[in-house]
Amino acid sequence: MPWMVETYDRPGTAALRLEIRPAHLDYLEANRHLLLACGAKLDDEGGAASGGLYLLALETRQEAEAFIEADPFFRAGLFERVFFTRWRKAYLDGRNTLGED
């Protein structure tokens, strides 16, 4: 069963986020096989990011934690908080996926 990981950036780290972003995107690309979905959480105008949401195709919390701890954003100290929650996939891309896993 997948994991949902929600991250919250530390205040005042917008410049750090931009600096580390290329390495973060390389990390995501290298691990794309584990990503059901992921992306930044944006402000109402769709500009400034303040954290992210990851839906990971991993079986254990330990695997989800290891994934996030290896992310360049985490390693650079960008995150103030990280929450891990089991996630039951019901609909994905407008398609009912119940019973597939």
PDB file of N, CA and C in Angstrom:
ATOM      1  N   MET A   1       0.848  -1.182   0.000  1.00  0.00           N
ATOM      2  CA  MET A   1       0.000   0.000   0.000  1.00  0.00           C
ATOM      3  C   MET A   1       0.891   1.241   0.000  1.00  0.00           C
ATOM      4  N   PRO A   2       0.625   2.198  -0.870  1.00  0.00           N
ATOM      5  CA  PRO A   2       1.486   3.378  -1.003  1.00  0.00           C
ATOM      6  C   PRO A   2       1.517   4.266   0.246  1.00  0.00           C
ATOM      7  N   TRP A   3       2.465   5.196   0.204  1.00  0.00           N
ATOM      8  CA  TRP A   3       2.649   6.177   1.271  1.00  0.00           C
ATOM      9  C   TRP A   3       2.475   7.580   0.711  1.00  0.00           C
ATOM     10  N   MET A   4       1.793   8.429   1.490  1.00  0.00           N
ATOM     11  CA  MET A   4       1.704   9.854   1.195  1.00  0.00           C
ATOM     12  C   MET A   4       2.663  10.560   2.145  1.00  0.00           C
ATOM     13  N   VAL A   5       3.503  11.388   1.588  1.00  0.00           N
ATOM     14  CA  VAL A   5       4.448  12.155   2.398  1.00  0.00           C
ATOM     15  C   VAL A   5       4.205  13.626   2.110  1.00  0.00           C
ATOM     16  N   GLU A   6       3.946  14.399   3.160  1.00  0.00           N
ATOM     17  CA  GLU A   6       3.739  15.833   3.015  1.00  0.00           C
ATOM     18  C   GLU A   6       4.862  16.555   3.737  1.00  0.00           C
ATOM     19  N   THR A   7       5.496  17.478   3.010  1.00  0.00           N
ATOM     20  CA  THR A   7       6.600  18.235   3.595  1.00  0.00           C
ATOM     21  C   THR A   7       6.225  19.710   3.706  1.00  0.00           C
ATOM     22  N   TYR A   8       6.793  20.350   4.703  1.00  0.00           N
ATOM     23  CA  TYR A   8       6.606  21.776   4.954  1.00  0.00           C
ATOM     24  C   TYR A   8       7.982  22.411   5.034  1.00  0.00           C
ATOM     25  N   ASP A   9       8.217  23.435   4.220  1.00  0.00           N
ATOM     26  CA  ASP A   9       9.507  24.115   4.229  1.00  0.00           C
ATOM     27  C   ASP A   9       9.674  24.956   5.489  1.00  0.00           C
ATOM     28  N   ARG A  10      10.917  25.093   5.912  1.00  0.00           N
ATOM     29  CA  ARG A  10      11.234  26.026   6.991  1.00  0.00           C
ATOM     30  C   ARG A  10      10.987  27.440   6.478  1.00  0.00           C
ATOM     31  N   PRO A  11      10.521  28.346   7.330  1.00  0.00           N
ATOM     32  CA  PRO A  11      10.326  29.738   6.895  1.00  0.00           C
ATOM     33  C   PRO A  11      11.645  30.344   6.409  1.00  0.00           C
ATOM     34  N   GLY A  12      11.537  31.185   5.414  1.00  0.00           N
ATOM     35  CA  GLY A  12      12.705  31.914   4.921  1.00  0.00           C
ATOM     36  C   GLY A  12      13.664  31.080   4.088  1.00  0.00           C
ATOM     37  N   THR A  13      13.190  29.988   3.495  1.00  0.00           N
ATOM     38  CA  THR A  13      14.098  29.109   2.744  1.00  0.00           C
ATOM     39  C   THR A  13      13.813  29.093   1.238  1.00  0.00           C
ATOM     40  N   ALA A  14      13.142  30.115   0.727  1.00  0.00           N
ATOM     41  CA  ALA A  14      12.812  30.147  -0.702  1.00  0.00           C
ATOM     42  C   ALA A  14      14.077  30.114  -1.561  1.00  0.00           C
ATOM     43  N   ALA A  15      15.104  30.843  -1.176  1.00  0.00           N
ATOM     44  CA  ALA A  15      16.352  30.858  -1.954  1.00  0.00           C
ATOM     45  C   ALA A  15      17.031  29.487  -1.916  1.00  0.00           C
ATOM     46  N   LEU A  16      17.017  28.834  -0.761  1.00  0.00           N
ATOM     47  CA  LEU A  16      17.595  27.496  -0.644  1.00  0.00           C
ATOM     48  C   LEU A  16      16.844  26.519  -1.546  1.00  0.00           C
ATOM     49  N   ARG A  17      15.514  26.602  -1.565  1.00  0.00           N
ATOM     50  CA  ARG A  17      14.710  25.728  -2.419  1.00  0.00           C
ATOM     51  C   ARG A  17      15.133  25.878  -3.881  1.00  0.00           C
ATOM     52  N   LEU A  18      15.278  27.104  -4.344  1.00  0.00           N
ATOM     53  CA  LEU A  18      15.675  27.339  -5.737  1.00  0.00           C
ATOM     54  C   LEU A  18      17.085  26.836  -6.018  1.00  0.00           C
ATOM     55  N   GLU A  19      17.970  26.999  -5.070  1.00  0.00           N
ATOM     56  CA  GLU A  19      19.362  26.558  -5.240  1.00  0.00           C
ATOM     57  C   GLU A  19      19.454  25.036  -5.363  1.00  0.00           C
ATOM     58  N   ILE A  20      18.703  24.327  -4.545  1.00  0.00           N
ATOM     59  CA  ILE A  20      18.785  22.867  -4.483  1.00  0.00           C
ATOM     60  C   ILE A  20      17.864  22.196  -5.499  1.00  0.00           C
ATOM     61  N   ARG A  21      16.932  22.928  -6.073  1.00  0.00           N
ATOM     62  CA  ARG A  21      15.914  22.350  -6.958  1.00  0.00           C
ATOM     63  C   ARG A  21      16.477  21.482  -8.085  1.00  0.00           C
ATOM     64  N   PRO A  22      17.521  21.875  -8.799  1.00  0.00           N
ATOM     65  CA  PRO A  22      18.029  20.994  -9.862  1.00  0.00           C
ATOM     66  C   PRO A  22      18.452  19.613  -9.346  1.00  0.00           C
ATOM     67  N   ALA A  23      19.129  19.553  -8.215  1.00  0.00           N
ATOM     68  CA  ALA A  23      19.532  18.261  -7.640  1.00  0.00           C
ATOM     69  C   ALA A  23      18.305  17.470  -7.191  1.00  0.00           C
ATOM     70  N   HIS A  24      17.314  18.157  -6.644  1.00  0.00           N
ATOM     71  CA  HIS A  24      16.061  17.517  -6.230  1.00  0.00           C
ATOM     72  C   HIS A  24      15.367  16.893  -7.438  1.00  0.00           C
ATOM     73  N   LEU A  25      15.274  17.631  -8.539  1.00  0.00           N
ATOM     74  CA  LEU A  25      14.618  17.107  -9.739  1.00  0.00           C
ATOM     75  C   LEU A  25      15.387  15.930 -10.324  1.00  0.00           C
ATOM     76  N   ASP A  26      16.710  15.976 -10.275  1.00  0.00           N
ATOM     77  CA  ASP A  26      17.518  14.828 -10.724  1.00  0.00           C
ATOM     78  C   ASP A  26      17.226  13.598  -9.865  1.00  0.00           C
ATOM     79  N   TYR A  27      17.095  13.812  -8.560  1.00  0.00           N
ATOM     80  CA  TYR A  27      16.783  12.713  -7.642  1.00  0.00           C
ATOM     81  C   TYR A  27      15.419  12.097  -7.968  1.00  0.00           C
ATOM     82  N   LEU A  28      14.432  12.957  -8.197  1.00  0.00           N
ATOM     83  CA  LEU A  28      13.108  12.458  -8.546  1.00  0.00           C
ATOM     84  C   LEU A  28      13.141  11.677  -9.859  1.00  0.00           C
ATOM     85  N   GLU A  29      13.849  12.186 -10.838  1.00  0.00           N
ATOM     86  CA  GLU A  29      13.942  11.505 -12.129  1.00  0.00           C
ATOM     87  C   GLU A  29      14.592  10.135 -11.976  1.00  0.00           C
ATOM     88  N   ALA A  30      15.630  10.056 -11.175  1.00  0.00           N
ATOM     89  CA  ALA A  30      16.320   8.786 -10.956  1.00  0.00           C
ATOM     90  C   ALA A  30      15.442   7.774 -10.224  1.00  0.00           C
ATOM     91  N   ASN A  31      14.435   8.266  -9.511  1.00  0.00           N
ATOM     92  CA  ASN A  31      13.551   7.399  -8.728  1.00  0.00           C
ATOM     93  C   ASN A  31      12.107   7.436  -9.223  1.00  0.00           C
ATOM     94  N   ARG A  32      11.916   7.815 -10.456  1.00  0.00           N
ATOM     95  CA  ARG A  32      10.564   7.981 -11.003  1.00  0.00           C
ATOM     96  C   ARG A  32       9.727   6.711 -10.904  1.00  0.00           C
ATOM     97  N   HIS A  33      10.353   5.557 -10.900  1.00  0.00           N
ATOM     98  CA  HIS A  33       9.630   4.292 -10.788  1.00  0.00           C
ATOM     99  C   HIS A  33       8.916   4.132  -9.440  1.00  0.00           C
ATOM    100  N   LEU A  34       9.300   4.947  -8.451  1.00  0.00           N
ATOM    101  CA  LEU A  34       8.675   4.901  -7.128  1.00  0.00           C
ATOM    102  C   LEU A  34       7.584   5.957  -6.958  1.00  0.00           C
ATOM    103  N   LEU A  35       7.447   6.855  -7.920  1.00  0.00           N
ATOM    104  CA  LEU A  35       6.550   7.997  -7.786  1.00  0.00           C
ATOM    105  C   LEU A  35       5.207   7.735  -8.454  1.00  0.00           C
ATOM    106  N   LEU A  36       4.149   7.664  -7.663  1.00  0.00           N
ATOM    107  CA  LEU A  36       2.809   7.652  -8.222  1.00  0.00           C
ATOM    108  C   LEU A  36       2.429   9.069  -8.629  1.00  0.00           C
ATOM    109  N   ALA A  37       2.860  10.018  -7.819  1.00  0.00           N
ATOM    110  CA  ALA A  37       2.667  11.445  -8.085  1.00  0.00           C
ATOM    111  C   ALA A  37       3.531  12.216  -7.101  1.00  0.00           C
ATOM    112  N   CYS A  38       3.913  13.404  -7.461  1.00  0.00           N
ATOM    113  CA  CYS A  38       4.581  14.303  -6.518  1.00  0.00           C
ATOM    114  C   CYS A  38       4.598  15.703  -7.110  1.00  0.00           C
ATOM    115  N   GLY A  39       4.772  16.674  -6.233  1.00  0.00           N
ATOM    116  CA  GLY A  39       4.852  18.051  -6.683  1.00  0.00           C
ATOM    117  C   GLY A  39       4.867  19.007  -5.513  1.00  0.00           C
ATOM    118  N   ALA A  40       5.169  20.248  -5.844  1.00  0.00           N
ATOM    119  CA  ALA A  40       5.249  21.308  -4.834  1.00  0.00           C
ATOM    120  C   ALA A  40       3.858  21.802  -4.459  1.00  0.00           C
ATOM    121  N   LYS A  41       3.728  22.219  -3.200  1.00  0.00           N
ATOM    122  CA  LYS A  41       2.528  22.915  -2.734  1.00  0.00           C
ATOM    123  C   LYS A  41       2.787  24.393  -2.957  1.00  0.00           C
ATOM    124  N   LEU A  42       1.871  25.061  -3.684  1.00  0.00           N
ATOM    125  CA  LEU A  42       2.074  26.449  -4.082  1.00  0.00           C
ATOM    126  C   LEU A  42       1.120  27.383  -3.356  1.00  0.00           C
ATOM    127  N   ASP A  43       1.473  28.682  -3.362  1.00  0.00           N
ATOM    128  CA  ASP A  43       0.575  29.679  -2.796  1.00  0.00           C
ATOM    129  C   ASP A  43      -0.636  29.860  -3.721  1.00  0.00           C
ATOM    130  N   ASP A  44      -1.594  30.673  -3.309  1.00  0.00           N
ATOM    131  CA  ASP A  44      -2.841  30.855  -4.058  1.00  0.00           C
ATOM    132  C   ASP A  44      -2.617  31.377  -5.475  1.00  0.00           C
ATOM    133  N   GLU A  45      -1.546  32.088  -5.689  1.00  0.00           N
ATOM    134  CA  GLU A  45      -1.252  32.632  -7.013  1.00  0.00           C
ATOM    135  C   GLU A  45      -0.509  31.624  -7.894  1.00  0.00           C
ATOM    136  N   GLY A  46      -0.131  30.479  -7.318  1.00  0.00           N
ATOM    137  CA  GLY A  46       0.571  29.457  -8.082  1.00  0.00           C
ATOM    138  C   GLY A  46       2.054  29.728  -8.246  1.00  0.00           C
ATOM    139  N   GLY A  47       2.607  30.583  -7.412  1.00  0.00           N
ATOM    140  CA  GLY A  47       4.009  30.951  -7.539  1.00  0.00           C
ATOM    141  C   GLY A  47       4.907  30.293  -6.512  1.00  0.00           C
ATOM    142  N   ALA A  48       4.926  30.842  -5.325  1.00  0.00           N
ATOM    143  CA  ALA A  48       5.867  30.414  -4.294  1.00  0.00           C
ATOM    144  C   ALA A  48       5.511  29.043  -3.732  1.00  0.00           C
ATOM    145  N   ALA A  49       6.517  28.176  -3.652  1.00  0.00           N
ATOM    146  CA  ALA A  49       6.345  26.853  -3.056  1.00  0.00           C
ATOM    147  C   ALA A  49       6.660  26.907  -1.568  1.00  0.00           C
ATOM    148  N   SER A  50       5.958  26.058  -0.810  1.00  0.00           N
ATOM    149  CA  SER A  50       6.174  26.036   0.642  1.00  0.00           C
ATOM    150  C   SER A  50       6.302  24.622   1.179  1.00  0.00           C
ATOM    151  N   GLY A  51       6.494  23.670   0.301  1.00  0.00           N
ATOM    152  CA  GLY A  51       6.581  22.273   0.690  1.00  0.00           C
ATOM    153  C   GLY A  51       6.169  21.413  -0.474  1.00  0.00           C
ATOM    154  N   GLY A  52       5.940  20.140  -0.193  1.00  0.00           N
ATOM    155  CA  GLY A  52       5.578  19.241  -1.273  1.00  0.00           C
ATOM    156  C   GLY A  52       4.715  18.091  -0.814  1.00  0.00           C
ATOM    157  N   LEU A  53       4.213  17.354  -1.805  1.00  0.00           N
ATOM    158  CA  LEU A  53       3.417  16.176  -1.569  1.00  0.00           C
ATOM    159  C   LEU A  53       3.948  15.065  -2.466  1.00  0.00           C
ATOM    160  N   TYR A  54       4.216  13.926  -1.872  1.00  0.00           N
ATOM    161  CA  TYR A  54       4.726  12.762  -2.591  1.00  0.00           C
ATOM    162  C   TYR A  54       3.766  11.604  -2.366  1.00  0.00           C
ATOM    163  N   LEU A  55       3.416  10.894  -3.415  1.00  0.00           N
ATOM    164  CA  LEU A  55       2.700   9.629  -3.311  1.00  0.00           C
ATOM    165  C   LEU A  55       3.666   8.573  -3.809  1.00  0.00           C
ATOM    166  N   LEU A  56       4.128   7.743  -2.876  1.00  0.00           N
ATOM    167  CA  LEU A  56       5.221   6.815  -3.147  1.00  0.00           C
ATOM    168  C   LEU A  56       4.743   5.374  -3.199  1.00  0.00           C
ATOM    169  N   ALA A  57       5.182   4.651  -4.209  1.00  0.00           N
ATOM    170  CA  ALA A  57       4.870   3.230  -4.350  1.00  0.00           C
ATOM    171  C   ALA A  57       5.892   2.429  -3.548  1.00  0.00           C
ATOM    172  N   LEU A  58       5.758   2.509  -2.236  1.00  0.00           N
ATOM    173  CA  LEU A  58       6.646   1.805  -1.310  1.00  0.00           C
ATOM    174  C   LEU A  58       5.800   1.071  -0.286  1.00  0.00           C
ATOM    175  N   GLU A  59       6.319  -0.001   0.253  1.00  0.00           N
ATOM    176  CA  GLU A  59       5.536  -0.842   1.158  1.00  0.00           C
ATOM    177  C   GLU A  59       5.669  -0.497   2.629  1.00  0.00           C
ATOM    178  N   THR A  60       6.792   0.060   3.049  1.00  0.00           N
ATOM    179  CA  THR A  60       6.986   0.291   4.480  1.00  0.00           C
ATOM    180  C   THR A  60       7.280   1.760   4.769  1.00  0.00           C
ATOM    181  N   ARG A  61       6.975   2.138   5.999  1.00  0.00           N
ATOM    182  CA  ARG A  61       7.289   3.498   6.437  1.00  0.00           C
ATOM    183  C   ARG A  61       8.797   3.725   6.379  1.00  0.00           C
ATOM    184  N   GLN A  62       9.571   2.719   6.725  1.00  0.00           N
ATOM    185  CA  GLN A  62      11.026   2.846   6.700  1.00  0.00           C
ATOM    186  C   GLN A  62      11.519   3.170   5.282  1.00  0.00           C
ATOM    187  N   GLU A  63      10.926   2.537   4.280  1.00  0.00           N
ATOM    188  CA  GLU A  63      11.300   2.835   2.890  1.00  0.00           C
ATOM    189  C   GLU A  63      10.926   4.270   2.524  1.00  0.00           C
ATOM    190  N   ALA A  64       9.744   4.718   2.952  1.00  0.00           N
ATOM    191  CA  ALA A  64       9.304   6.091   2.674  1.00  0.00           C
ATOM    192  C   ALA A  64      10.223   7.094   3.365  1.00  0.00           C
ATOM    193  N   GLU A  65      10.585   6.819   4.611  1.00  0.00           N
ATOM    194  CA  GLU A  65      11.494   7.710   5.338  1.00  0.00           C
ATOM    195  C   GLU A  65      12.859   7.757   4.661  1.00  0.00           C
ATOM    196  N   ALA A  66      13.368   6.609   4.238  1.00  0.00           N
ATOM    197  CA  ALA A  66      14.672   6.567   3.570  1.00  0.00           C
ATOM    198  C   ALA A  66      14.636   7.339   2.254  1.00  0.00           C
ATOM    199  N   PHE A  67      13.528   7.236   1.538  1.00  0.00           N
ATOM    200  CA  PHE A  67      13.382   7.970   0.282  1.00  0.00           C
ATOM    201  C   PHE A  67      13.485   9.474   0.530  1.00  0.00           C
ATOM    202  N   ILE A  68      12.720   9.968   1.496  1.00  0.00           N
ATOM    203  CA  ILE A  68      12.719  11.412   1.780  1.00  0.00           C
ATOM    204  C   ILE A  68      14.065  11.854   2.347  1.00  0.00           C
ATOM    205  N   GLU A  69      14.663  11.059   3.205  1.00  0.00           N
ATOM    206  CA  GLU A  69      15.942  11.441   3.805  1.00  0.00           C
ATOM    207  C   GLU A  69      17.070  11.494   2.772  1.00  0.00           C
ATOM    208  N   ALA A  70      16.917  10.813   1.648  1.00  0.00           N
ATOM    209  CA  ALA A  70      17.919  10.867   0.583  1.00  0.00           C
ATOM    210  C   ALA A  70      17.662  12.008  -0.402  1.00  0.00           C
ATOM    211  N   ASP A  71      16.510  12.635  -0.318  1.00  0.00           N
ATOM    212  CA  ASP A  71      16.161  13.746  -1.208  1.00  0.00           C
ATOM    213  C   ASP A  71      17.079  14.939  -0.906  1.00  0.00           C
ATOM    214  N   PRO A  72      17.654  15.562  -1.923  1.00  0.00           N
ATOM    215  CA  PRO A  72      18.511  16.730  -1.681  1.00  0.00           C
ATOM    216  C   PRO A  72      17.828  17.853  -0.897  1.00  0.00           C
ATOM    217  N   PHE A  73      16.521  18.026  -1.052  1.00  0.00           N
ATOM    218  CA  PHE A  73      15.821  19.034  -0.250  1.00  0.00           C
ATOM    219  C   PHE A  73      15.943  18.706   1.238  1.00  0.00           C
ATOM    220  N   PHE A  74      15.721  17.458   1.615  1.00  0.00           N
ATOM    221  CA  PHE A  74      15.836  17.049   3.011  1.00  0.00           C
ATOM    222  C   PHE A  74      17.274  17.221   3.488  1.00  0.00           C
ATOM    223  N   ARG A  75      18.226  16.746   2.691  1.00  0.00           N
ATOM    224  CA  ARG A  75      19.638  16.793   3.079  1.00  0.00           C
ATOM    225  C   ARG A  75      20.145  18.219   3.266  1.00  0.00           C
ATOM    226  N   ALA A  76      19.550  19.171   2.536  1.00  0.00           N
ATOM    227  CA  ALA A  76      19.948  20.577   2.653  1.00  0.00           C
ATOM    228  C   ALA A  76      19.268  21.270   3.825  1.00  0.00           C
ATOM    229  N   GLY A  77      18.363  20.576   4.517  1.00  0.00           N
ATOM    230  CA  GLY A  77      17.686  21.169   5.668  1.00  0.00           C
ATOM    231  C   GLY A  77      16.507  22.049   5.291  1.00  0.00           C
ATOM    232  N   LEU A  78      15.925  21.834   4.119  1.00  0.00           N
ATOM    233  CA  LEU A  78      14.808  22.668   3.672  1.00  0.00           C
ATOM    234  C   LEU A  78      13.540  22.436   4.497  1.00  0.00           C
ATOM    235  N   PHE A  79      13.309  21.204   4.912  1.00  0.00           N
ATOM    236  CA  PHE A  79      12.032  20.873   5.537  1.00  0.00           C
ATOM    237  C   PHE A  79      12.007  21.165   7.034  1.00  0.00           C
ATOM    238  N   GLU A  80      10.916  21.809   7.447  1.00  0.00           N
ATOM    239  CA  GLU A  80      10.663  22.037   8.868  1.00  0.00           C
ATOM    240  C   GLU A  80       9.930  20.834   9.470  1.00  0.00           C
ATOM    241  N   ARG A  81       8.975  20.284   8.700  1.00  0.00           N
ATOM    242  CA  ARG A  81       8.182  19.137   9.152  1.00  0.00           C
ATOM    243  C   ARG A  81       7.961  18.198   7.975  1.00  0.00           C
ATOM    244  N   VAL A  82       7.858  16.916   8.299  1.00  0.00           N
ATOM    245  CA  VAL A  82       7.538  15.887   7.305  1.00  0.00           C
ATOM    246  C   VAL A  82       6.548  14.930   7.954  1.00  0.00           C
ATOM    247  N   PHE A  83       5.431  14.677   7.269  1.00  0.00           N
ATOM    248  CA  PHE A  83       4.407  13.758   7.760  1.00  0.00           C
ATOM    249  C   PHE A  83       4.297  12.572   6.813  1.00  0.00           C
ATOM    250  N   PHE A  84       4.236  11.377   7.386  1.00  0.00           N
ATOM    251  CA  PHE A  84       4.108  10.125   6.641  1.00  0.00           C
ATOM    252  C   PHE A  84       2.757   9.506   6.968  1.00  0.00           C
ATOM    253  N   THR A  85       1.999   9.155   5.932  1.00  0.00           N
ATOM    254  CA  THR A  85       0.679   8.571   6.110  1.00  0.00           C
ATOM    255  C   THR A  85       0.461   7.489   5.059  1.00  0.00           C
ATOM    256  N   ARG A  86      -0.067   6.333   5.489  1.00  0.00           N
ATOM    257  CA  ARG A  86      -0.455   5.313   4.515  1.00  0.00           C
ATOM    258  C   ARG A  86      -1.546   5.889   3.630  1.00  0.00           C
ATOM    259  N   TRP A  87      -1.556   5.480   2.372  1.00  0.00           N
ATOM    260  CA  TRP A  87      -2.517   6.015   1.414  1.00  0.00           C
ATOM    261  C   TRP A  87      -3.136   4.887   0.621  1.00  0.00           C
ATOM    262  N   ARG A  88      -4.458   4.868   0.571  1.00  0.00           N
ATOM    263  CA  ARG A  88      -5.166   3.870  -0.232  1.00  0.00           C
ATOM    264  C   ARG A  88      -5.551   4.518  -1.555  1.00  0.00           C
ATOM    265  N   LYS A  89      -4.996   4.009  -2.619  1.00  0.00           N
ATOM    266  CA  LYS A  89      -5.295   4.508  -3.955  1.00  0.00           C
ATOM    267  C   LYS A  89      -6.699   4.045  -4.319  1.00  0.00           C
ATOM    268  N   ALA A  90      -7.601   4.997  -4.597  1.00  0.00           N
ATOM    269  CA  ALA A  90      -8.963   4.668  -5.016  1.00  0.00           C
ATOM    270  C   ALA A  90      -9.204   5.144  -6.449  1.00  0.00           C
ATOM    271  N   TYR A  91      -8.828   6.368  -6.728  1.00  0.00           N
ATOM    272  CA  TYR A  91      -8.924   6.933  -8.070  1.00  0.00           C
ATOM    273  C   TYR A  91      -7.585   7.557  -8.422  1.00  0.00           C
ATOM    274  N   LEU A  92      -7.147   7.319  -9.631  1.00  0.00           N
ATOM    275  CA  LEU A  92      -5.906   7.907 -10.125  1.00  0.00           C
ATOM    276  C   LEU A  92      -6.132   8.264 -11.578  1.00  0.00           C
ATOM    277  N   ASP A  93      -5.857   9.519 -11.915  1.00  0.00           N
ATOM    278  CA  ASP A  93      -6.088  10.023 -13.277  1.00  0.00           C
ATOM    279  C   ASP A  93      -7.527   9.781 -13.729  1.00  0.00           C
ATOM    280  N   GLY A  94      -8.482   9.955 -12.809  1.00  0.00           N
ATOM    281  CA  GLY A  94      -9.900   9.818 -13.141  1.00  0.00           C
ATOM    282  C   GLY A  94     -10.376   8.393 -13.314  1.00  0.00           C
ATOM    283  N   ARG A  95      -9.560   7.430 -12.924  1.00  0.00           N
ATOM    284  CA  ARG A  95      -9.887   6.019 -13.104  1.00  0.00           C
ATOM    285  C   ARG A  95      -9.979   5.334 -11.746  1.00  0.00           C
ATOM    286  N   ASN A  96     -11.038   4.544 -11.549  1.00  0.00           N
ATOM    287  CA  ASN A  96     -11.196   3.781 -10.318  1.00  0.00           C
ATOM    288  C   ASN A  96     -10.162   2.662 -10.298  1.00  0.00           C
ATOM    289  N   THR A  97      -9.326   2.674  -9.268  1.00  0.00           N
ATOM    290  CA  THR A  97      -8.263   1.668  -9.146  1.00  0.00           C
ATOM    291  C   THR A  97      -8.496   0.716  -7.988  1.00  0.00           C
ATOM    292  N   LEU A  98      -9.645   0.810  -7.338  1.00  0.00           N
ATOM    293  CA  LEU A  98      -9.915  -0.087  -6.209  1.00  0.00           C
ATOM    294  C   LEU A  98      -9.897  -1.525  -6.685  1.00  0.00           C
ATOM    295  N   GLY A  99      -9.258  -2.367  -5.917  1.00  0.00           N
ATOM    296  CA  GLY A  99      -9.167  -3.774  -6.254  1.00  0.00           C
ATOM    297  C   GLY A  99      -7.984  -4.140  -7.130  1.00  0.00           C
ATOM    298  N   GLU A 100      -7.199  -3.142  -7.564  1.00  0.00           N
ATOM    299  CA  GLU A 100      -6.041  -3.438  -8.401  1.00  0.00           C
ATOM    300  C   GLU A 100      -4.827  -3.853  -7.595  1.00  0.00           C
ATOM    301  N   ASP A 101      -4.720  -3.378  -6.365  1.00  0.00           N
ATOM    302  CA  ASP A 101      -3.545  -3.683  -5.544  1.00  0.00           C
ATOM    303  C   ASP A 101      -3.784  -4.890  -4.687  1.00  0.00           C
TER     304      ASP A 101
END
